[in-house]
Amino acid sequence: SADGTKFSDATLMEVLLMNDFKLVINNIVYSVSPPVKDKLSSEHATEMEDIKSLVHRLFVALHLEDHQIRKERELLQKLDHLKEELLPLEQMKARIMDSADAKTSRLLWVGLALMSTQGGALAWLTWWVYSWDIMEPVTYFITYGSAMAFYAYFVLTRQDYIYPHAKDRQFLHYFYRKSKKQHFDVEQYNKLKDDLAEAEESLRRLRQPLHLRLPIQEISDKD
């Protein structure tokens, strides 16, 4: 300020331009006298906007590199901290996924074995014990019962019984049940993963020279 008091970086431009102030660049002091607010004409208003823009560009030019280095250091420290927190969770998740995948595979093989046994039993009853005239109603009701089971699956899950989807659903069932037993916090893990992805994206954007002077909204539009 005019009496030598330093302004904070967070000082609003409107507050700064309410009185005269001094701008120090490379140890050279420049006196700035903004126009009086209550006597602003359209020309003076344009001059004030030009002064605002000039002061902002000077501040960015003088402090951008330091801000970038400080921000990059903070992001790197945050990334290291998040990775340290995620490491034991990742290891636990890998073990749980292996267990859930093994159980799901066993269930699929059991289903194949049961279907093979059923087919063999029907063939044995048809050709060696009874005749097709007797077994035809049996196979009809077995088929109708299977259709009812598939329809019940749709009613309960709101999904068609498609083998890959059913496999994924069973895998998730085993995964969450195993996670609960081993006290694996899925919500905390997902939150840490989201924070890690956000920090990596911020670091990537920070290291792009063309984006350094762009607001976040403009960067998002360009991406």
C-alpha atoms as a PDB file:
ATOM      1  CA  SER A   1       0.000   0.000   0.000  1.00  0.00           C
ATOM      2  CA  ALA A   2       1.005   3.648  -0.056  1.00  0.00           C
ATOM      3  CA  ASP A   3       2.295   3.396   3.523  1.00  0.00           C
ATOM      4  CA  GLY A   4       4.419   0.327   2.775  1.00  0.00           C
ATOM      5  CA  THR A   5       2.081  -2.459   3.984  1.00  0.00           C
ATOM      6  CA  LYS A   6       2.184  -5.584   1.827  1.00  0.00           C
ATOM      7  CA  PHE A   7      -1.078  -6.902   0.422  1.00  0.00           C
ATOM      8  CA  SER A   8      -2.029 -10.535   0.752  1.00  0.00           C
ATOM      9  CA  ASP A   9      -2.212 -12.695  -2.386  1.00  0.00           C
ATOM     10  CA  ALA A  10      -5.872 -13.295  -1.576  1.00  0.00           C
ATOM     11  CA  THR A  11      -6.743  -9.581  -1.692  1.00  0.00           C
ATOM     12  CA  LEU A  12      -9.518  -8.917  -4.185  1.00  0.00           C
ATOM     13  CA  MET A  13      -8.694  -6.684  -7.128  1.00  0.00           C
ATOM     14  CA  GLU A  14     -11.623  -4.387  -6.279  1.00  0.00           C
ATOM     15  CA  VAL A  15     -10.163  -3.829  -2.798  1.00  0.00           C
ATOM     16  CA  LEU A  16      -6.697  -3.178  -4.191  1.00  0.00           C
ATOM     17  CA  LEU A  17      -7.976  -0.564  -6.637  1.00  0.00           C
ATOM     18  CA  MET A  18      -9.884   1.395  -4.005  1.00  0.00           C
ATOM     19  CA  ASN A  19      -6.740   3.373  -3.105  1.00  0.00           C
ATOM     20  CA  ASP A  20      -3.349   4.181  -4.516  1.00  0.00           C
ATOM     21  CA  PHE A  21      -0.777   1.420  -4.206  1.00  0.00           C
ATOM     22  CA  LYS A  22       2.798   0.623  -5.129  1.00  0.00           C
ATOM     23  CA  LEU A  23       3.859  -2.200  -7.446  1.00  0.00           C
ATOM     24  CA  VAL A  24       7.374  -3.572  -6.826  1.00  0.00           C
ATOM     25  CA  ILE A  25       8.978  -5.421  -9.739  1.00  0.00           C
ATOM     26  CA  ASN A  26      12.665  -6.377  -9.615  1.00  0.00           C
ATOM     27  CA  ASN A  27      13.196  -3.926  -6.732  1.00  0.00           C
ATOM     28  CA  ILE A  28      11.772  -1.083  -8.819  1.00  0.00           C
ATOM     29  CA  VAL A  29       8.778   0.694  -7.270  1.00  0.00           C
ATOM     30  CA  TYR A  30       5.951   1.853  -9.520  1.00  0.00           C
ATOM     31  CA  SER A  31       3.208   4.089  -8.110  1.00  0.00           C
ATOM     32  CA  VAL A  32      -0.295   3.192  -9.324  1.00  0.00           C
ATOM     33  CA  SER A  33      -3.209   5.598  -8.979  1.00  0.00           C
ATOM     34  CA  PRO A  34      -6.507   3.965  -9.950  1.00  0.00           C
ATOM     35  CA  PRO A  35      -9.380   6.212 -11.043  1.00  0.00           C
ATOM     36  CA  VAL A  36     -11.865   7.334  -8.428  1.00  0.00           C
ATOM     37  CA  LYS A  37     -14.737   4.882  -8.257  1.00  0.00           C
ATOM     38  CA  ASP A  38     -17.591   7.375  -7.938  1.00  0.00           C
ATOM     39  CA  LYS A  39     -16.382   9.364 -10.973  1.00  0.00           C
ATOM     40  CA  LEU A  40     -15.917   6.429 -13.301  1.00  0.00           C
ATOM     41  CA  SER A  41     -16.936   7.029 -16.868  1.00  0.00           C
ATOM     42  CA  SER A  42     -17.065   4.367 -19.536  1.00  0.00           C
ATOM     43  CA  GLU A  43     -13.537   5.317 -20.580  1.00  0.00           C
ATOM     44  CA  HIS A  44     -12.253   5.148 -16.999  1.00  0.00           C
ATOM     45  CA  ALA A  45     -14.058   1.849 -16.459  1.00  0.00           C
ATOM     46  CA  THR A  46     -12.230   0.453 -19.472  1.00  0.00           C
ATOM     47  CA  GLU A  47      -8.953   1.763 -18.086  1.00  0.00           C
ATOM     48  CA  MET A  48      -9.679   0.091 -14.742  1.00  0.00           C
ATOM     49  CA  GLU A  49     -10.373  -3.215 -16.456  1.00  0.00           C
ATOM     50  CA  ASP A  50      -7.103  -2.835 -18.339  1.00  0.00           C
ATOM     51  CA  ILE A  51      -5.297  -2.163 -15.057  1.00  0.00           C
ATOM     52  CA  LYS A  52      -6.907  -5.229 -13.491  1.00  0.00           C
ATOM     53  CA  SER A  53      -5.870  -7.373 -16.409  1.00  0.00           C
ATOM     54  CA  LEU A  54      -2.322  -5.980 -16.387  1.00  0.00           C
ATOM     55  CA  VAL A  55      -1.864  -6.532 -12.642  1.00  0.00           C
ATOM     56  CA  HIS A  56      -3.227 -10.046 -12.954  1.00  0.00           C
ATOM     57  CA  ARG A  57      -0.875 -10.885 -15.837  1.00  0.00           C
ATOM     58  CA  LEU A  58       2.071  -9.482 -13.908  1.00  0.00           C
ATOM     59  CA  PHE A  59       1.182 -11.527 -10.850  1.00  0.00           C
ATOM     60  CA  VAL A  60       0.831 -14.685 -12.935  1.00  0.00           C
ATOM     61  CA  ALA A  61       4.102 -14.075 -14.735  1.00  0.00           C
ATOM     62  CA  LEU A  62       5.982 -13.499 -11.473  1.00  0.00           C
ATOM     63  CA  HIS A  63       4.424 -16.265  -9.381  1.00  0.00           C
ATOM     64  CA  LEU A  64       3.259 -18.931 -11.826  1.00  0.00           C
ATOM     65  CA  GLU A  65       6.468 -20.951 -11.825  1.00  0.00           C
ATOM     66  CA  ASP A  66       6.731 -20.956  -8.017  1.00  0.00           C
ATOM     67  CA  HIS A  67       3.077 -21.869  -7.720  1.00  0.00           C
ATOM     68  CA  GLN A  68       3.484 -24.662 -10.248  1.00  0.00           C
ATOM     69  CA  ILE A  69       6.502 -26.132  -8.450  1.00  0.00           C
ATOM     70  CA  ARG A  70       4.771 -25.910  -5.072  1.00  0.00           C
ATOM     71  CA  LYS A  71       1.573 -27.438  -6.433  1.00  0.00           C
ATOM     72  CA  GLU A  72       3.481 -30.217  -8.184  1.00  0.00           C
ATOM     73  CA  ARG A  73       5.334 -31.049  -4.960  1.00  0.00           C
ATOM     74  CA  GLU A  74       2.030 -31.175  -3.066  1.00  0.00           C
ATOM     75  CA  LEU A  75       0.483 -33.464  -5.684  1.00  0.00           C
ATOM     76  CA  LEU A  76       3.487 -35.794  -5.669  1.00  0.00           C
ATOM     77  CA  GLN A  77       3.342 -36.035  -1.885  1.00  0.00           C
ATOM     78  CA  LYS A  78      -0.393 -36.730  -2.082  1.00  0.00           C
ATOM     79  CA  LEU A  79       0.207 -39.444  -4.689  1.00  0.00           C
ATOM     80  CA  ASP A  80       2.839 -41.124  -2.527  1.00  0.00           C
ATOM     81  CA  HIS A  81       0.524 -41.006   0.492  1.00  0.00           C
ATOM     82  CA  LEU A  82      -2.399 -42.455  -1.466  1.00  0.00           C
ATOM     83  CA  LYS A  83      -0.265 -45.220  -2.932  1.00  0.00           C
ATOM     84  CA  GLU A  84       0.988 -46.161   0.528  1.00  0.00           C
ATOM     85  CA  GLU A  85      -2.599 -46.395   1.768  1.00  0.00           C
ATOM     86  CA  LEU A  86      -3.691 -48.366  -1.290  1.00  0.00           C
ATOM     87  CA  LEU A  87      -0.847 -50.902  -1.258  1.00  0.00           C
ATOM     88  CA  PRO A  88      -2.191 -53.166   1.537  1.00  0.00           C
ATOM     89  CA  LEU A  89      -5.726 -52.760   0.194  1.00  0.00           C
ATOM     90  CA  GLU A  90      -4.602 -53.755  -3.293  1.00  0.00           C
ATOM     91  CA  GLN A  91      -2.900 -56.858  -1.925  1.00  0.00           C
ATOM     92  CA  MET A  92      -5.984 -57.812   0.089  1.00  0.00           C
ATOM     93  CA  LYS A  93      -8.227 -57.149  -2.912  1.00  0.00           C
ATOM     94  CA  ALA A  94      -6.075 -59.391  -5.123  1.00  0.00           C
ATOM     95  CA  ARG A  95      -6.377 -62.253  -2.624  1.00  0.00           C
ATOM     96  CA  ILE A  96     -10.137 -61.788  -2.332  1.00  0.00           C
ATOM     97  CA  MET A  97     -10.535 -61.655  -6.120  1.00  0.00           C
ATOM     98  CA  ASP A  98      -8.522 -64.858  -6.558  1.00  0.00           C
ATOM     99  CA  SER A  99     -10.690 -66.611  -3.981  1.00  0.00           C
ATOM    100  CA  ALA A 100     -13.936 -65.320  -5.514  1.00  0.00           C
ATOM    101  CA  ASP A 101     -12.797 -66.267  -9.012  1.00  0.00           C
ATOM    102  CA  ALA A 102     -11.895 -69.788  -7.872  1.00  0.00           C
ATOM    103  CA  LYS A 103     -15.301 -70.251  -6.211  1.00  0.00           C
ATOM    104  CA  THR A 104     -17.100 -68.935  -9.287  1.00  0.00           C
ATOM    105  CA  SER A 105     -15.152 -71.306 -11.550  1.00  0.00           C
ATOM    106  CA  ARG A 106     -15.969 -74.242  -9.278  1.00  0.00           C
ATOM    107  CA  LEU A 107     -19.639 -73.293  -9.375  1.00  0.00           C
ATOM    108  CA  LEU A 108     -19.581 -73.230 -13.184  1.00  0.00           C
ATOM    109  CA  TRP A 109     -17.996 -76.686 -13.313  1.00  0.00           C
ATOM    110  CA  VAL A 110     -20.539 -77.993 -10.805  1.00  0.00           C
ATOM    111  CA  GLY A 111     -23.332 -76.656 -13.017  1.00  0.00           C
ATOM    112  CA  LEU A 112     -21.842 -78.406 -16.046  1.00  0.00           C
ATOM    113  CA  ALA A 113     -21.526 -81.647 -14.081  1.00  0.00           C
ATOM    114  CA  LEU A 114     -25.159 -81.463 -12.923  1.00  0.00           C
ATOM    115  CA  MET A 115     -26.398 -80.803 -16.454  1.00  0.00           C
ATOM    116  CA  SER A 116     -24.335 -83.718 -17.778  1.00  0.00           C
ATOM    117  CA  THR A 117     -25.673 -85.981 -15.019  1.00  0.00           C
ATOM    118  CA  GLN A 118     -29.236 -84.937 -15.771  1.00  0.00           C
ATOM    119  CA  GLY A 119     -28.791 -85.624 -19.480  1.00  0.00           C
ATOM    120  CA  GLY A 120     -27.253 -89.011 -18.810  1.00  0.00           C
ATOM    121  CA  ALA A 121     -30.028 -89.946 -16.357  1.00  0.00           C
ATOM    122  CA  LEU A 122     -32.738 -88.975 -18.831  1.00  0.00           C
ATOM    123  CA  ALA A 123     -31.046 -90.976 -21.588  1.00  0.00           C
ATOM    124  CA  TRP A 124     -30.710 -94.005 -19.312  1.00  0.00           C
ATOM    125  CA  LEU A 125     -34.363 -93.817 -18.262  1.00  0.00           C
ATOM    126  CA  THR A 126     -35.491 -93.336 -21.852  1.00  0.00           C
ATOM    127  CA  TRP A 127     -33.587 -96.196 -23.540  1.00  0.00           C
ATOM    128  CA  TRP A 128     -32.986 -98.724 -20.780  1.00  0.00           C
ATOM    129  CA  VAL A 129     -35.690 -98.346 -18.123  1.00  0.00           C
ATOM    130  CA  TYR A 130     -38.769 -96.729 -19.684  1.00  0.00           C
ATOM    131  CA  SER A 131     -39.792 -95.656 -23.149  1.00  0.00           C
ATOM    132  CA  TRP A 132     -39.951 -92.222 -24.744  1.00  0.00           C
ATOM    133  CA  ASP A 133     -43.727 -92.161 -24.316  1.00  0.00           C
ATOM    134  CA  ILE A 134     -43.245 -92.237 -20.554  1.00  0.00           C
ATOM    135  CA  MET A 135     -40.229 -89.913 -20.401  1.00  0.00           C
ATOM    136  CA  GLU A 136     -41.603 -87.231 -22.732  1.00  0.00           C
ATOM    137  CA  PRO A 137     -43.862 -85.652 -20.053  1.00  0.00           C
ATOM    138  CA  VAL A 138     -40.955 -85.814 -17.608  1.00  0.00           C
ATOM    139  CA  THR A 139     -38.658 -83.888 -19.966  1.00  0.00           C
ATOM    140  CA  TYR A 140     -41.471 -81.420 -20.670  1.00  0.00           C
ATOM    141  CA  PHE A 141     -41.897 -80.574 -17.002  1.00  0.00           C
ATOM    142  CA  ILE A 142     -38.126 -80.380 -16.536  1.00  0.00           C
ATOM    143  CA  THR A 143     -37.963 -77.869 -19.397  1.00  0.00           C
ATOM    144  CA  TYR A 144     -40.928 -75.932 -18.006  1.00  0.00           C
ATOM    145  CA  GLY A 145     -39.333 -75.898 -14.564  1.00  0.00           C
ATOM    146  CA  SER A 146     -36.099 -74.523 -16.048  1.00  0.00           C
ATOM    147  CA  ALA A 147     -38.082 -71.764 -17.788  1.00  0.00           C
ATOM    148  CA  MET A 148     -39.723 -70.890 -14.461  1.00  0.00           C
ATOM    149  CA  ALA A 149     -36.307 -70.755 -12.798  1.00  0.00           C
ATOM    150  CA  PHE A 150     -34.970 -68.368 -15.479  1.00  0.00           C
ATOM    151  CA  TYR A 151     -38.068 -66.187 -15.142  1.00  0.00           C
ATOM    152  CA  ALA A 152     -37.661 -66.116 -11.366  1.00  0.00           C
ATOM    153  CA  TYR A 153     -34.036 -65.014 -11.886  1.00  0.00           C
ATOM    154  CA  PHE A 154     -35.289 -62.123 -14.034  1.00  0.00           C
ATOM    155  CA  VAL A 155     -37.916 -61.127 -11.452  1.00  0.00           C
ATOM    156  CA  LEU A 156     -35.352 -61.066  -8.648  1.00  0.00           C
ATOM    157  CA  THR A 157     -32.434 -59.444 -10.509  1.00  0.00           C
ATOM    158  CA  ARG A 158     -34.191 -57.519 -13.316  1.00  0.00           C
ATOM    159  CA  GLN A 159     -31.654 -59.063 -15.711  1.00  0.00           C
ATOM    160  CA  ASP A 160     -31.896 -61.756 -18.347  1.00  0.00           C
ATOM    161  CA  TYR A 161     -30.150 -65.007 -17.535  1.00  0.00           C
ATOM    162  CA  ILE A 162     -27.087 -64.492 -19.728  1.00  0.00           C
ATOM    163  CA  TYR A 163     -24.154 -66.688 -18.755  1.00  0.00           C
ATOM    164  CA  PRO A 164     -21.435 -63.958 -18.634  1.00  0.00           C
ATOM    165  CA  HIS A 165     -23.719 -61.639 -16.631  1.00  0.00           C
ATOM    166  CA  ALA A 166     -24.719 -64.436 -14.262  1.00  0.00           C
ATOM    167  CA  LYS A 167     -21.045 -65.330 -13.784  1.00  0.00           C
ATOM    168  CA  ASP A 168     -20.149 -61.704 -12.977  1.00  0.00           C
ATOM    169  CA  ARG A 169     -23.054 -61.438 -10.555  1.00  0.00           C
ATOM    170  CA  GLN A 170     -21.975 -64.587  -8.732  1.00  0.00           C
ATOM    171  CA  PHE A 171     -18.376 -63.355  -8.667  1.00  0.00           C
ATOM    172  CA  LEU A 172     -19.477 -60.085  -7.038  1.00  0.00           C
ATOM    173  CA  HIS A 173     -21.545 -62.033  -4.514  1.00  0.00           C
ATOM    174  CA  TYR A 174     -18.519 -64.084  -3.453  1.00  0.00           C
ATOM    175  CA  PHE A 175     -16.283 -60.995  -3.552  1.00  0.00           C
ATOM    176  CA  TYR A 176     -18.435 -58.885  -1.207  1.00  0.00           C
ATOM    177  CA  ARG A 177     -19.071 -61.787   1.135  1.00  0.00           C
ATOM    178  CA  LYS A 178     -15.333 -62.506   1.371  1.00  0.00           C
ATOM    179  CA  SER A 179     -14.619 -58.777   1.790  1.00  0.00           C
ATOM    180  CA  LYS A 180     -16.991 -58.592   4.735  1.00  0.00           C
ATOM    181  CA  LYS A 181     -15.318 -61.575   6.394  1.00  0.00           C
ATOM    182  CA  GLN A 182     -11.826 -60.101   5.979  1.00  0.00           C
ATOM    183  CA  HIS A 183     -12.965 -56.549   6.897  1.00  0.00           C
ATOM    184  CA  PHE A 184     -12.055 -55.139   3.483  1.00  0.00           C
ATOM    185  CA  ASP A 185     -13.671 -51.690   3.191  1.00  0.00           C
ATOM    186  CA  VAL A 186     -14.778 -51.478  -0.444  1.00  0.00           C
ATOM    187  CA  GLU A 187     -16.088 -47.903  -0.098  1.00  0.00           C
ATOM    188  CA  GLN A 188     -12.796 -46.671   1.350  1.00  0.00           C
ATOM    189  CA  TYR A 189     -10.874 -48.467  -1.404  1.00  0.00           C
ATOM    190  CA  ASN A 190     -13.041 -46.889  -4.124  1.00  0.00           C
ATOM    191  CA  LYS A 191     -12.654 -43.447  -2.540  1.00  0.00           C
ATOM    192  CA  LEU A 192      -8.861 -43.795  -2.452  1.00  0.00           C
ATOM    193  CA  LYS A 193      -8.842 -44.926  -6.081  1.00  0.00           C
ATOM    194  CA  ASP A 194     -10.946 -41.908  -7.072  1.00  0.00           C
ATOM    195  CA  ASP A 195      -8.638 -39.573  -5.134  1.00  0.00           C
ATOM    196  CA  LEU A 196      -5.604 -41.158  -6.792  1.00  0.00           C
ATOM    197  CA  ALA A 197      -7.100 -40.767 -10.264  1.00  0.00           C
ATOM    198  CA  GLU A 198      -8.016 -37.148  -9.513  1.00  0.00           C
ATOM    199  CA  ALA A 199      -4.496 -36.356  -8.258  1.00  0.00           C
ATOM    200  CA  GLU A 200      -2.911 -38.002 -11.310  1.00  0.00           C
ATOM    201  CA  GLU A 201      -5.188 -36.023 -13.617  1.00  0.00           C
ATOM    202  CA  SER A 202      -4.331 -32.785 -11.797  1.00  0.00           C
ATOM    203  CA  LEU A 203      -0.623 -33.549 -12.074  1.00  0.00           C
ATOM    204  CA  ARG A 204      -0.957 -34.371 -15.770  1.00  0.00           C
ATOM    205  CA  ARG A 205      -2.824 -31.114 -16.404  1.00  0.00           C
ATOM    206  CA  LEU A 206      -0.293 -29.154 -14.350  1.00  0.00           C
ATOM    207  CA  ARG A 207       2.612 -30.493 -16.425  1.00  0.00           C
ATOM    208  CA  GLN A 208       1.063 -29.483 -19.737  1.00  0.00           C
ATOM    209  CA  PRO A 209       2.594 -26.107 -20.684  1.00  0.00           C
ATOM    210  CA  LEU A 210      -0.304 -25.131 -22.965  1.00  0.00           C
ATOM    211  CA  HIS A 211      -2.793 -25.514 -20.097  1.00  0.00           C
ATOM    212  CA  LEU A 212      -0.908 -23.645 -17.396  1.00  0.00           C
ATOM    213  CA  ARG A 213      -2.695 -20.346 -18.007  1.00  0.00           C
ATOM    214  CA  LEU A 214      -6.151 -21.816 -18.674  1.00  0.00           C
ATOM    215  CA  PRO A 215      -8.936 -22.036 -16.084  1.00  0.00           C
ATOM    216  CA  ILE A 216     -10.217 -25.508 -15.205  1.00  0.00           C
ATOM    217  CA  GLN A 217     -13.384 -25.033 -17.256  1.00  0.00           C
ATOM    218  CA  GLU A 218     -11.426 -24.115 -20.378  1.00  0.00           C
ATOM    219  CA  ILE A 219      -9.088 -27.065 -19.869  1.00  0.00           C
ATOM    220  CA  SER A 220     -12.052 -29.420 -19.577  1.00  0.00           C
ATOM    221  CA  ASP A 221     -13.576 -28.005 -22.760  1.00  0.00           C
ATOM    222  CA  LYS A 222     -10.310 -28.460 -24.659  1.00  0.00           C
ATOM    223  CA  ASP A 223      -9.833 -32.034 -23.363  1.00  0.00           C
END
